[in-house]
């Protein structure tokens, strides 16, 4: 039997990771451009699309058994 993540856990992981990246992206783009509207636009578009792609990536990898360790029931 392989341990699998629930869809809810994958979603929470994706959202918390995106929050971290969202902050980093915003600071970096603002630092480079010194324009808040550009930083916010890039941040919103980039992070929304990346979150969706990451979630699909997680769910696909959850179906792959390669690299998982079998869990024995006690």
C-alpha atoms as a PDB file:
ATOM      1  CA  UNK A   1       0.000   0.000   0.000  1.00  0.00           C
ATOM      2  CA  UNK A   2       1.365   3.406  -0.973  1.00  0.00           C
ATOM      3  CA  UNK A   3       0.786   6.531   1.064  1.00  0.00           C
ATOM      4  CA  UNK A   4      -1.135   9.112  -0.985  1.00  0.00           C
ATOM      5  CA  UNK A   5      -1.949  12.732  -0.354  1.00  0.00           C
ATOM      6  CA  UNK A   6      -5.514  13.965  -0.293  1.00  0.00           C
ATOM      7  CA  UNK A   7      -6.632  16.582  -2.818  1.00  0.00           C
ATOM      8  CA  UNK A   8      -7.151  18.990   0.090  1.00  0.00           C
ATOM      9  CA  UNK A   9      -3.546  18.580   1.275  1.00  0.00           C
ATOM     10  CA  UNK A  10      -2.232  19.179  -2.260  1.00  0.00           C
ATOM     11  CA  UNK A  11      -4.363  22.321  -2.527  1.00  0.00           C
ATOM     12  CA  UNK A  12      -3.136  23.698   0.814  1.00  0.00           C
ATOM     13  CA  UNK A  13       0.485  22.964  -0.144  1.00  0.00           C
ATOM     14  CA  UNK A  14       0.014  24.716  -3.481  1.00  0.00           C
ATOM     15  CA  UNK A  15      -1.561  27.773  -1.854  1.00  0.00           C
ATOM     16  CA  UNK A  16       1.066  28.158   0.867  1.00  0.00           C
ATOM     17  CA  UNK A  17       3.885  27.750  -1.645  1.00  0.00           C
ATOM     18  CA  UNK A  18       2.252  30.325  -3.919  1.00  0.00           C
ATOM     19  CA  UNK A  19       1.946  32.780  -1.028  1.00  0.00           C
ATOM     20  CA  UNK A  20       5.694  32.519  -0.516  1.00  0.00           C
ATOM     21  CA  UNK A  21       6.454  32.960  -4.214  1.00  0.00           C
ATOM     22  CA  UNK A  22       3.874  35.747  -4.525  1.00  0.00           C
ATOM     23  CA  UNK A  23       5.716  37.778  -1.929  1.00  0.00           C
ATOM     24  CA  UNK A  24       9.119  37.133  -3.497  1.00  0.00           C
ATOM     25  CA  UNK A  25       7.896  37.948  -7.030  1.00  0.00           C
ATOM     26  CA  UNK A  26       6.283  41.184  -5.907  1.00  0.00           C
ATOM     27  CA  UNK A  27       9.371  42.413  -4.103  1.00  0.00           C
ATOM     28  CA  UNK A  28      11.720  41.507  -6.965  1.00  0.00           C
ATOM     29  CA  UNK A  29       9.570  43.022  -9.752  1.00  0.00           C
ATOM     30  CA  UNK A  30       8.981  46.190  -7.738  1.00  0.00           C
ATOM     31  CA  UNK A  31      12.683  46.429  -6.891  1.00  0.00           C
ATOM     32  CA  UNK A  32      13.574  46.181 -10.601  1.00  0.00           C
ATOM     33  CA  UNK A  33      10.826  48.422 -12.041  1.00  0.00           C
ATOM     34  CA  UNK A  34       9.994  50.734  -9.119  1.00  0.00           C
ATOM     35  CA  UNK A  35       6.408  50.575 -10.454  1.00  0.00           C
ATOM     36  CA  UNK A  36       3.735  49.170  -8.161  1.00  0.00           C
ATOM     37  CA  UNK A  37       1.173  48.627 -10.938  1.00  0.00           C
ATOM     38  CA  UNK A  38       3.642  46.587 -13.011  1.00  0.00           C
ATOM     39  CA  UNK A  39       4.673  44.547  -9.965  1.00  0.00           C
ATOM     40  CA  UNK A  40       1.038  43.814  -9.078  1.00  0.00           C
ATOM     41  CA  UNK A  41       0.102  42.897 -12.660  1.00  0.00           C
ATOM     42  CA  UNK A  42       3.015  40.523 -13.079  1.00  0.00           C
ATOM     43  CA  UNK A  43       2.415  39.053  -9.626  1.00  0.00           C
ATOM     44  CA  UNK A  44      -1.283  38.360 -10.211  1.00  0.00           C
ATOM     45  CA  UNK A  45      -0.918  36.836 -13.671  1.00  0.00           C
ATOM     46  CA  UNK A  46       2.211  34.839 -12.924  1.00  0.00           C
ATOM     47  CA  UNK A  47       1.044  33.436  -9.626  1.00  0.00           C
ATOM     48  CA  UNK A  48      -2.486  32.577 -10.675  1.00  0.00           C
ATOM     49  CA  UNK A  49      -1.282  30.599 -13.680  1.00  0.00           C
ATOM     50  CA  UNK A  50       1.571  28.999 -11.710  1.00  0.00           C
ATOM     51  CA  UNK A  51      -0.751  27.915  -8.894  1.00  0.00           C
ATOM     52  CA  UNK A  52      -3.058  26.144 -11.322  1.00  0.00           C
ATOM     53  CA  UNK A  53      -0.150  24.432 -13.088  1.00  0.00           C
ATOM     54  CA  UNK A  54       1.421  23.403  -9.764  1.00  0.00           C
ATOM     55  CA  UNK A  55      -1.835  21.863  -8.552  1.00  0.00           C
ATOM     56  CA  UNK A  56      -2.153  19.753 -11.716  1.00  0.00           C
ATOM     57  CA  UNK A  57       1.520  18.793 -11.418  1.00  0.00           C
ATOM     58  CA  UNK A  58       0.985  17.649  -7.811  1.00  0.00           C
ATOM     59  CA  UNK A  59      -2.090  15.576  -8.674  1.00  0.00           C
ATOM     60  CA  UNK A  60      -0.308  13.879 -11.592  1.00  0.00           C
ATOM     61  CA  UNK A  61       2.722  13.045  -9.449  1.00  0.00           C
ATOM     62  CA  UNK A  62       0.400  11.696  -6.761  1.00  0.00           C
ATOM     63  CA  UNK A  63      -0.614   8.958  -9.242  1.00  0.00           C
ATOM     64  CA  UNK A  64       3.012   7.940  -9.910  1.00  0.00           C
ATOM     65  CA  UNK A  65       4.281   5.215  -7.611  1.00  0.00           C
ATOM     66  CA  UNK A  66       7.955   5.611  -8.580  1.00  0.00           C
ATOM     67  CA  UNK A  67      10.083   6.605  -5.588  1.00  0.00           C
ATOM     68  CA  UNK A  68       7.422   5.868  -2.964  1.00  0.00           C
ATOM     69  CA  UNK A  69       8.105   3.538  -0.073  1.00  0.00           C
ATOM     70  CA  UNK A  70       5.578   0.869   0.747  1.00  0.00           C
ATOM     71  CA  UNK A  71       3.905   1.382   4.100  1.00  0.00           C
ATOM     72  CA  UNK A  72       3.228  -1.744   6.122  1.00  0.00           C
ATOM     73  CA  UNK A  73       0.201  -1.840   8.378  1.00  0.00           C
ATOM     74  CA  UNK A  74       0.859  -2.821  11.974  1.00  0.00           C
END
